[in-house]
Amino acid sequence: MKFIAIMAIVTLTLIPMAIHAQGHSGHTATPAIEKPKASVPQARAPSQEEKEQVVQDTPQVEIAPELQQRIGVKTVKAAVKPIQKTIRTVGRIEIDERKQATVNTKIEGWIEKLYVNYTGRYVKKGEPLAEIYSPELLATQQEFINTKKWAGKQTIKTPQEGHDHGVRTEPAEPVSGFKKMLEKDATATLEAARQRLRLWDISEEQIKKIEQTGQPVRTLTLYSPVSGYVTQKMAVQGMKVMPGEKLFDVADFSHVWIIADIYEYELSTVRVGQPVKVTLSYFPGRVWSSRIDYIYPVFSADTRTAKVRLTLANPEGRLKPQMFTNVEIRISLGRRLTIPDSAVIDTGRGQVVYVDRGNGAFEPREVQTGVRADGAVEILRGLKTGETVASSANFMIDSEAQLKGVKPLSKP
């Protein structure tokens, strides 16, 4: 009992001391300073492309090297190189329309003499073709002759000085004026008759001959206006001809045209002035060089082609109208990123190539193609310079990819 009382007294004494010490320590104790932690390097946040790459891995199909050798896989690198497009088509030789001429007459008459009596004959410029008898022309010539005689009578003679007592005789003034008027009218009438003969294609030499001889020319001679071949002959000995009726067609074959057909999908690359090479089966081994000098504005709805024209010199006359020719147009398209045409597979929904990733892995990739020329195709999107693609046996690789369900990633 006594022990319990002593313990209670001691406990009551220690409690205020503990409370005081605790309060004192709260006012005087210095809080502990935490040491700074060592900086930990922050990891870079992945980009959107990396997140997509993690979510969707690049599809690949594996072909063992031994199997590649057996099926004949070949690869090639995509490279930027000059590309040329070659258009091969068929042309047709035509007559140069600028060197054609038609011979006809402006009077009514009959063919009395025919100098050129068959088609295909070569004639020179100024060579006679036919003679035509025309009563109307004959009457006009006789009128010209009579006008010429009448005009000659109306010429005013110069008055001579009289020898009697030195007296000069002068005509009366009214008579002199009348004579001048008649002379002027006679000159105008004669010139009108001469001009009428010119309009009927009577030459100046023939008109001078009529004036000198005083006799009309019975027939009118038709001459060739150009040198060339008679391509059409409608004139027959003794036939009647009417004004404007065509009698002969004459064409100069020293230069000929070649008309070639260009398909619609190739027309966008064809320009005037582009060089062209022409060959004929008629001349094996010989090549003619020319340039496109005209593109016709009319498009054929039946053949879906447009026509282009080029000109060839034909000094020997060996190029004949309606011959067929082979036409080759080479067009430079500049430097572009290209791969072989065989490396691209057309799936019907897009164009796919198989990119060699190394170690027998091939990645199917969709690409966007451009122009195709000489076994190469332009790549507009989907490949970079230096990337390697399968150019042979890629259909075998595509079959293996289809069996394994490997498909190219869809492009946005």
Protein backbone atom coordinates (compact mmCIF):
# COMPACT_ATOMS: atom_id res chain seq x y z
CA MET A 1 0.00 0.00 0.00
CA LYS A 2 2.79 2.27 0.85
CA PHE A 3 4.62 1.22 -2.34
CA ILE A 4 1.70 2.12 -4.55
CA ALA A 5 1.45 5.59 -3.01
CA ILE A 6 5.14 6.26 -3.69
CA MET A 7 4.78 5.24 -7.39
CA ALA A 8 1.80 7.50 -7.89
CA ILE A 9 3.69 10.48 -6.48
CA VAL A 10 6.65 9.84 -8.78
CA THR A 11 4.43 9.51 -11.89
CA LEU A 12 2.59 12.75 -11.16
CA THR A 13 5.94 14.53 -10.79
CA LEU A 14 7.36 13.29 -14.16
CA ILE A 15 4.29 14.09 -16.33
CA PRO A 16 4.63 17.95 -16.19
CA MET A 17 8.35 17.69 -16.85
CA ALA A 18 7.73 15.60 -20.00
CA ILE A 19 5.11 18.04 -21.27
CA HIS A 20 7.43 21.00 -20.66
CA ALA A 21 10.33 19.30 -22.39
CA GLN A 22 8.15 18.51 -25.38
CA GLY A 23 6.96 22.12 -25.68
CA HIS A 24 10.43 23.48 -25.32
CA SER A 25 11.79 21.20 -27.91
CA GLY A 26 9.04 22.36 -30.33
CA HIS A 27 10.23 25.97 -29.96
CA THR A 28 13.94 25.42 -30.16
CA ALA A 29 14.50 22.31 -32.27
CA THR A 30 15.79 22.94 -35.81
CA PRO A 31 13.94 20.92 -38.40
CA ALA A 32 16.05 18.43 -40.39
CA ILE A 33 17.06 19.56 -43.90
CA GLU A 34 16.43 16.94 -46.50
CA LYS A 35 19.28 16.31 -48.90
CA PRO A 36 18.35 16.80 -52.57
CA LYS A 37 17.93 13.61 -54.44
CA ALA A 38 20.09 12.84 -57.42
CA SER A 39 18.37 13.86 -60.71
CA VAL A 40 17.08 10.93 -62.68
CA PRO A 41 17.14 11.36 -66.51
CA GLN A 42 13.62 11.70 -67.92
CA ALA A 43 12.69 9.27 -70.67
CA ARG A 44 11.71 10.95 -74.03
CA ALA A 45 8.04 10.75 -74.76
CA PRO A 46 7.45 8.54 -77.82
CA SER A 47 6.26 10.30 -80.98
CA GLN A 48 2.97 9.55 -82.63
CA GLU A 49 4.68 7.54 -85.37
CA GLU A 50 6.55 5.47 -82.77
CA LYS A 51 3.31 4.83 -80.90
CA GLU A 52 1.72 3.66 -84.16
CA GLN A 53 4.77 1.55 -84.88
CA VAL A 54 4.45 -0.12 -81.48
CA VAL A 55 0.75 -0.70 -82.00
CA GLN A 56 1.06 -1.90 -85.59
CA ASP A 57 4.29 -3.66 -86.59
CA THR A 58 5.65 -3.55 -90.12
CA PRO A 59 4.34 -6.59 -92.04
CA GLN A 60 7.00 -8.84 -93.47
CA VAL A 61 7.22 -12.14 -95.24
CA GLU A 62 10.34 -14.27 -94.90
CA ILE A 63 11.85 -16.14 -97.83
CA ALA A 64 14.93 -18.22 -97.09
CA PRO A 65 18.00 -17.36 -99.21
CA GLU A 66 18.06 -20.91 -100.62
CA LEU A 67 14.45 -20.60 -101.69
CA GLN A 68 15.12 -17.15 -103.20
CA GLN A 69 17.82 -18.66 -105.36
CA ARG A 70 15.57 -21.49 -106.51
CA ILE A 71 12.65 -19.28 -107.53
CA GLY A 72 14.93 -16.68 -109.13
CA VAL A 73 14.43 -13.63 -106.92
CA LYS A 74 16.31 -10.57 -108.15
CA THR A 75 16.49 -7.17 -106.49
CA VAL A 76 17.25 -3.66 -107.68
CA LYS A 77 17.69 -0.31 -105.97
CA ALA A 78 15.36 2.62 -106.57
CA ALA A 79 17.41 5.39 -108.17
CA VAL A 80 16.96 8.82 -109.72
CA LYS A 81 17.93 8.60 -113.37
CA PRO A 82 17.00 10.12 -116.74
CA ILE A 83 13.85 8.62 -118.19
CA GLN A 84 12.76 8.62 -121.83
CA LYS A 85 9.37 7.68 -123.17
CA THR A 86 9.26 6.05 -126.59
CA ILE A 87 6.07 6.16 -128.64
CA ARG A 88 5.93 3.69 -131.52
CA THR A 89 3.13 3.99 -134.01
CA VAL A 90 2.28 3.54 -137.69
CA GLY A 91 2.27 6.37 -140.21
CA ARG A 92 1.01 6.82 -143.75
CA ILE A 93 2.66 8.77 -146.56
CA GLU A 94 0.46 11.49 -148.03
CA ILE A 95 0.91 14.16 -150.71
CA ASP A 96 2.05 17.54 -149.44
CA GLU A 97 -1.12 19.58 -149.89
CA ARG A 98 0.94 22.76 -150.26
CA LYS A 99 2.48 21.39 -153.48
CA GLN A 100 -0.72 20.36 -155.25
CA ALA A 101 -2.35 22.18 -158.18
CA THR A 102 -5.53 21.74 -160.21
CA VAL A 103 -5.81 22.62 -163.90
CA ASN A 104 -9.19 23.79 -165.22
CA THR A 105 -10.58 26.22 -167.74
CA LYS A 106 -12.62 29.40 -167.42
CA ILE A 107 -14.36 29.08 -170.76
CA GLU A 108 -16.73 26.67 -172.45
CA GLY A 109 -15.27 24.60 -175.26
CA TRP A 110 -13.99 21.30 -176.57
CA ILE A 111 -10.67 19.53 -176.10
CA GLU A 112 -9.14 19.53 -179.56
CA LYS A 113 -5.69 18.20 -178.65
CA LEU A 114 -4.48 16.28 -175.56
CA TYR A 115 -0.76 16.30 -174.74
CA VAL A 116 -0.97 14.33 -171.46
CA ASN A 117 -3.04 11.23 -172.09
CA TYR A 118 -2.38 9.06 -169.01
CA THR A 119 -2.29 9.40 -165.22
CA GLY A 120 1.07 9.32 -163.47
CA ARG A 121 3.06 11.13 -166.12
CA TYR A 122 5.68 13.61 -164.91
CA VAL A 123 5.28 17.14 -166.30
CA LYS A 124 7.40 20.23 -165.87
CA LYS A 125 6.15 23.68 -164.98
CA GLY A 126 4.93 25.43 -168.13
CA GLU A 127 4.57 22.21 -170.15
CA PRO A 128 1.40 22.11 -172.34
CA LEU A 129 -1.32 19.74 -171.20
CA ALA A 130 -4.20 20.28 -173.65
CA GLU A 131 -5.64 22.62 -176.28
CA ILE A 132 -9.25 23.80 -176.10
CA TYR A 133 -11.33 25.22 -178.93
CA SER A 134 -13.87 27.81 -177.77
CA PRO A 135 -16.10 29.84 -180.16
CA GLU A 136 -16.61 32.37 -177.38
CA LEU A 137 -12.87 32.86 -176.97
CA LEU A 138 -12.44 33.12 -180.72
CA ALA A 139 -15.05 35.88 -180.89
CA THR A 140 -13.35 37.76 -178.07
CA GLN A 141 -10.02 37.64 -179.91
CA GLN A 142 -11.64 38.96 -183.09
CA GLU A 143 -13.16 41.79 -181.07
CA PHE A 144 -9.71 42.60 -179.70
CA ILE A 145 -8.24 42.67 -183.22
CA ASN A 146 -10.97 45.02 -184.48
CA THR A 147 -10.53 47.28 -181.45
CA LYS A 148 -6.80 47.38 -182.12
CA LYS A 149 -7.36 48.47 -185.73
CA TRP A 150 -9.91 51.13 -184.75
CA ALA A 151 -7.65 52.49 -182.02
CA GLY A 152 -4.81 52.80 -184.50
CA LYS A 153 -6.90 54.98 -186.75
CA GLN A 154 -7.74 57.34 -183.93
CA THR A 155 -4.13 58.34 -183.23
CA ILE A 156 -3.61 62.12 -183.66
CA LYS A 157 -0.96 62.90 -186.21
CA THR A 158 1.53 65.64 -185.42
CA PRO A 159 0.84 68.64 -187.75
CA GLN A 160 3.71 69.44 -190.11
CA GLU A 161 4.87 72.98 -190.71
CA GLY A 162 3.81 74.36 -194.05
CA HIS A 163 6.44 75.42 -196.62
CA ASP A 164 4.22 77.95 -198.35
CA HIS A 165 5.50 81.38 -197.29
CA GLY A 166 6.41 79.84 -193.84
CA VAL A 167 2.79 79.70 -192.74
CA ARG A 168 1.94 76.94 -190.09
CA THR A 169 -1.45 75.33 -190.49
CA GLU A 170 -3.18 74.48 -187.20
CA PRO A 171 -6.40 72.49 -186.87
CA ALA A 172 -9.42 74.13 -185.47
CA GLU A 173 -9.61 73.93 -181.74
CA PRO A 174 -12.91 72.00 -181.52
CA VAL A 175 -11.64 69.30 -183.93
CA SER A 176 -8.43 68.84 -181.92
CA GLY A 177 -10.35 68.26 -178.67
CA PHE A 178 -12.65 65.75 -180.33
CA LYS A 179 -9.68 63.81 -181.69
CA LYS A 180 -8.07 63.60 -178.26
CA MET A 181 -11.28 62.31 -176.77
CA LEU A 182 -11.58 59.60 -179.44
CA GLU A 183 -7.95 58.57 -178.91
CA LYS A 184 -8.50 58.27 -175.14
CA ASP A 185 -11.63 56.15 -175.60
CA ALA A 186 -9.89 53.92 -178.13
CA THR A 187 -6.99 53.30 -175.75
CA ALA A 188 -9.34 52.42 -172.88
CA THR A 189 -11.40 50.06 -175.07
CA LEU A 190 -8.26 48.32 -176.33
CA GLU A 191 -6.95 47.83 -172.79
CA ALA A 192 -10.31 46.43 -171.66
CA ALA A 193 -10.27 43.88 -174.51
CA ARG A 194 -6.69 42.94 -173.64
CA GLN A 195 -7.62 42.50 -169.95
CA ARG A 196 -10.52 40.21 -170.90
CA LEU A 197 -8.11 37.93 -172.73
CA ARG A 198 -5.81 37.88 -169.68
CA LEU A 199 -8.71 36.87 -167.44
CA TRP A 200 -9.37 33.93 -169.74
CA ASP A 201 -5.78 32.77 -169.22
CA ILE A 202 -4.43 33.97 -172.55
CA SER A 203 -0.72 34.57 -171.96
CA GLU A 204 1.09 37.82 -172.75
CA GLU A 205 3.04 36.08 -175.51
CA GLN A 206 -0.16 34.94 -177.16
CA ILE A 207 -1.67 38.44 -176.89
CA LYS A 208 1.43 39.97 -178.53
CA LYS A 209 1.25 37.37 -181.30
CA ILE A 210 -2.40 38.26 -181.93
CA GLU A 211 -1.49 41.97 -182.11
CA GLN A 212 1.40 41.36 -184.51
CA THR A 213 -0.31 38.92 -186.87
CA GLY A 214 -3.81 40.30 -186.66
CA GLN A 215 -5.11 36.73 -186.63
CA PRO A 216 -6.96 35.05 -183.70
CA VAL A 217 -5.61 31.92 -182.03
CA ARG A 218 -7.94 29.03 -182.76
CA THR A 219 -7.33 27.08 -179.51
CA LEU A 220 -6.41 27.91 -175.94
CA THR A 221 -3.41 25.97 -174.59
CA LEU A 222 -3.47 24.86 -170.95
CA TYR A 223 -0.07 24.69 -169.23
CA SER A 224 1.04 22.91 -166.05
CA PRO A 225 1.34 25.38 -163.14
CA VAL A 226 3.89 23.23 -161.24
CA SER A 227 6.39 20.47 -161.84
CA GLY A 228 5.16 17.09 -160.65
CA TYR A 229 3.14 14.01 -161.43
CA VAL A 230 -0.37 13.94 -162.87
CA THR A 231 -2.33 12.27 -160.09
CA GLN A 232 -5.77 12.68 -161.69
CA LYS A 233 -6.76 13.09 -165.34
CA MET A 234 -10.37 13.75 -166.24
CA ALA A 235 -9.64 15.22 -169.69
CA VAL A 236 -10.43 13.04 -172.72
CA GLN A 237 -9.80 13.82 -176.37
CA GLY A 238 -12.83 15.57 -177.91
CA MET A 239 -14.81 15.99 -174.69
CA LYS A 240 -16.74 19.16 -173.95
CA VAL A 241 -15.58 21.17 -170.94
CA MET A 242 -17.43 23.75 -168.90
CA PRO A 243 -16.03 26.72 -166.95
CA GLY A 244 -14.47 25.56 -163.65
CA GLU A 245 -14.45 21.87 -164.57
CA LYS A 246 -11.36 20.08 -163.25
CA LEU A 247 -9.23 18.53 -165.98
CA PHE A 248 -5.92 17.61 -164.26
CA ASP A 249 -4.44 17.32 -160.76
CA VAL A 250 -0.67 17.77 -160.57
CA ALA A 251 1.35 17.10 -157.38
CA ASP A 252 4.98 17.72 -156.54
CA PHE A 253 6.51 14.72 -154.72
CA SER A 254 9.82 16.40 -153.81
CA HIS A 255 8.48 16.57 -150.22
CA VAL A 256 5.85 14.28 -148.72
CA TRP A 257 3.85 14.23 -145.52
CA ILE A 258 3.65 11.40 -142.99
CA ILE A 259 0.43 11.25 -140.99
CA ALA A 260 0.76 9.22 -137.75
CA ASP A 261 -1.86 8.26 -135.16
CA ILE A 262 -1.18 8.95 -131.48
CA TYR A 263 -3.32 7.30 -128.81
CA GLU A 264 -5.22 9.40 -126.30
CA TYR A 265 -3.14 8.40 -123.26
CA GLU A 266 0.11 9.30 -125.08
CA LEU A 267 -1.02 12.61 -126.54
CA SER A 268 -0.18 14.68 -123.44
CA THR A 269 3.57 14.17 -123.96
CA VAL A 270 3.66 14.97 -127.70
CA ARG A 271 4.80 18.45 -128.74
CA VAL A 272 5.53 20.23 -132.01
CA GLY A 273 9.25 20.12 -132.83
CA GLN A 274 10.02 16.76 -131.17
CA PRO A 275 12.46 14.58 -133.15
CA VAL A 276 11.06 11.55 -134.96
CA LYS A 277 12.66 8.53 -136.63
CA VAL A 278 10.93 6.91 -139.60
CA THR A 279 11.57 3.48 -141.11
CA LEU A 280 9.91 1.56 -143.95
CA SER A 281 9.78 -2.13 -144.68
CA TYR A 282 10.36 -1.06 -148.29
CA PHE A 283 13.84 0.21 -147.28
CA PRO A 284 15.25 -2.20 -144.65
CA GLY A 285 18.03 -0.68 -142.59
CA ARG A 286 17.43 2.92 -143.64
CA VAL A 287 16.26 5.53 -141.14
CA TRP A 288 14.81 8.98 -141.93
CA SER A 289 14.93 11.78 -139.38
CA SER A 290 12.26 14.43 -139.11
CA ARG A 291 10.32 16.53 -136.59
CA ILE A 292 6.68 16.94 -135.74
CA ASP A 293 5.50 20.09 -137.52
CA TYR A 294 1.76 19.96 -136.80
CA ILE A 295 -0.71 18.30 -134.41
CA TYR A 296 -4.21 18.14 -135.87
CA PRO A 297 -6.94 19.62 -133.66
CA VAL A 298 -9.50 16.91 -134.54
CA PHE A 299 -9.75 13.75 -132.42
CA SER A 300 -11.12 10.47 -133.79
CA ALA A 301 -13.92 9.04 -131.67
CA ASP A 302 -13.68 5.65 -133.43
CA THR A 303 -9.98 4.93 -132.94
CA ARG A 304 -9.40 7.23 -129.91
CA THR A 305 -6.39 8.74 -131.65
CA ALA A 306 -5.19 12.13 -132.83
CA LYS A 307 -3.12 12.72 -135.94
CA VAL A 308 0.33 14.33 -136.09
CA ARG A 309 2.17 15.40 -139.23
CA LEU A 310 5.82 15.40 -140.21
CA THR A 311 7.56 16.23 -143.50
CA LEU A 312 10.21 14.20 -145.32
CA ALA A 313 12.37 15.21 -148.27
CA ASN A 314 11.86 12.91 -151.26
CA PRO A 315 14.35 14.02 -153.92
CA GLU A 316 14.54 10.59 -155.55
CA GLY A 317 10.78 10.07 -155.55
CA ARG A 318 11.06 6.67 -153.86
CA LEU A 319 8.58 7.54 -151.11
CA LYS A 320 5.15 7.06 -152.63
CA PRO A 321 1.75 8.13 -151.29
CA GLN A 322 -0.23 5.58 -149.22
CA MET A 323 2.91 3.69 -148.16
CA PHE A 324 2.94 2.62 -144.49
CA THR A 325 5.81 3.66 -142.23
CA ASN A 326 7.02 2.91 -138.71
CA VAL A 327 7.25 6.07 -136.60
CA GLU A 328 9.25 6.31 -133.37
CA ILE A 329 9.06 9.37 -131.12
CA ARG A 330 11.53 9.57 -128.22
CA ILE A 331 10.52 12.04 -125.51
CA SER A 332 12.88 13.08 -122.67
CA LEU A 333 11.05 13.38 -119.34
CA GLY A 334 14.01 14.49 -117.20
CA ARG A 335 15.44 12.81 -114.07
CA ARG A 336 12.95 10.93 -111.89
CA LEU A 337 12.89 8.23 -109.18
CA THR A 338 12.35 4.98 -111.06
CA ILE A 339 12.33 1.21 -110.62
CA PRO A 340 11.80 -1.56 -113.20
CA ASP A 341 8.25 -1.97 -114.36
CA SER A 342 8.35 -5.65 -113.37
CA ALA A 343 8.85 -4.71 -109.70
CA VAL A 344 5.32 -3.28 -109.39
CA ILE A 345 2.33 -5.58 -108.83
CA ASP A 346 -1.10 -4.21 -109.74
CA THR A 347 -3.57 -5.61 -107.21
CA GLY A 348 -6.57 -3.92 -108.74
CA ARG A 349 -6.86 -1.60 -105.75
CA GLY A 350 -3.35 -0.20 -105.83
CA GLN A 351 0.29 -0.72 -106.73
CA VAL A 352 2.47 -2.89 -104.44
CA VAL A 353 6.22 -3.50 -104.30
CA TYR A 354 8.20 -5.81 -102.03
CA VAL A 355 11.03 -4.02 -100.25
CA ASP A 356 14.04 -6.14 -99.27
CA ARG A 357 14.62 -5.63 -95.52
CA GLY A 358 17.59 -8.01 -95.38
CA ASN A 359 17.99 -11.50 -93.90
CA GLY A 360 15.35 -12.88 -96.24
CA ALA A 361 12.59 -10.49 -95.10
CA PHE A 362 10.43 -8.63 -97.63
CA GLU A 363 8.00 -5.86 -96.74
CA PRO A 364 4.92 -5.34 -98.93
CA ARG A 365 4.43 -1.62 -99.50
CA GLU A 366 1.89 0.40 -101.45
CA VAL A 367 3.35 2.96 -103.85
CA GLN A 368 2.01 5.63 -106.18
CA THR A 369 3.32 5.36 -109.72
CA GLY A 370 3.73 7.95 -112.47
CA VAL A 371 4.75 7.64 -116.09
CA ARG A 372 5.98 4.37 -117.59
CA ALA A 373 8.71 4.40 -120.20
CA ASP A 374 11.13 1.86 -121.68
CA GLY A 375 10.51 -0.81 -119.02
CA ALA A 376 10.76 1.61 -116.09
CA VAL A 377 8.09 3.23 -113.94
CA GLU A 378 8.22 6.49 -112.01
CA ILE A 379 7.59 6.32 -108.24
CA LEU A 380 5.81 9.36 -106.85
CA ARG A 381 5.30 8.12 -103.28
CA GLY A 382 6.13 5.09 -101.15
CA LEU A 383 9.84 4.57 -101.88
CA LYS A 384 13.05 6.45 -101.20
CA THR A 385 16.24 6.59 -103.18
CA GLY A 386 18.47 3.61 -102.38
CA GLU A 387 15.75 1.26 -101.12
CA THR A 388 15.93 -2.23 -102.61
CA VAL A 389 12.89 -3.91 -104.15
CA ALA A 390 12.28 -7.32 -105.69
CA SER A 391 12.22 -7.02 -109.49
CA SER A 392 11.88 -10.71 -110.40
CA ALA A 393 9.80 -13.53 -108.94
CA ASN A 394 7.89 -10.97 -106.90
CA PHE A 395 4.67 -12.77 -107.77
CA MET A 396 6.01 -15.82 -105.89
CA ILE A 397 6.75 -13.57 -102.92
CA ASP A 398 3.27 -12.12 -103.17
CA SER A 399 1.74 -15.61 -103.20
CA GLU A 400 3.66 -16.53 -100.04
CA ALA A 401 2.51 -13.29 -98.41
CA GLN A 402 -1.12 -14.00 -99.32
CA LEU A 403 -0.88 -17.51 -97.82
CA LYS A 404 0.49 -16.11 -94.58
CA GLY A 405 -1.99 -13.23 -94.49
CA VAL A 406 0.70 -10.56 -94.80
CA LYS A 407 -0.70 -7.39 -96.35
CA PRO A 408 0.82 -3.95 -96.87
CA LEU A 409 -0.01 -1.19 -94.43
CA SER A 410 -2.77 1.08 -95.61
CA LYS A 411 -1.51 4.56 -96.44
CA PRO A 412 -3.45 7.56 -95.15
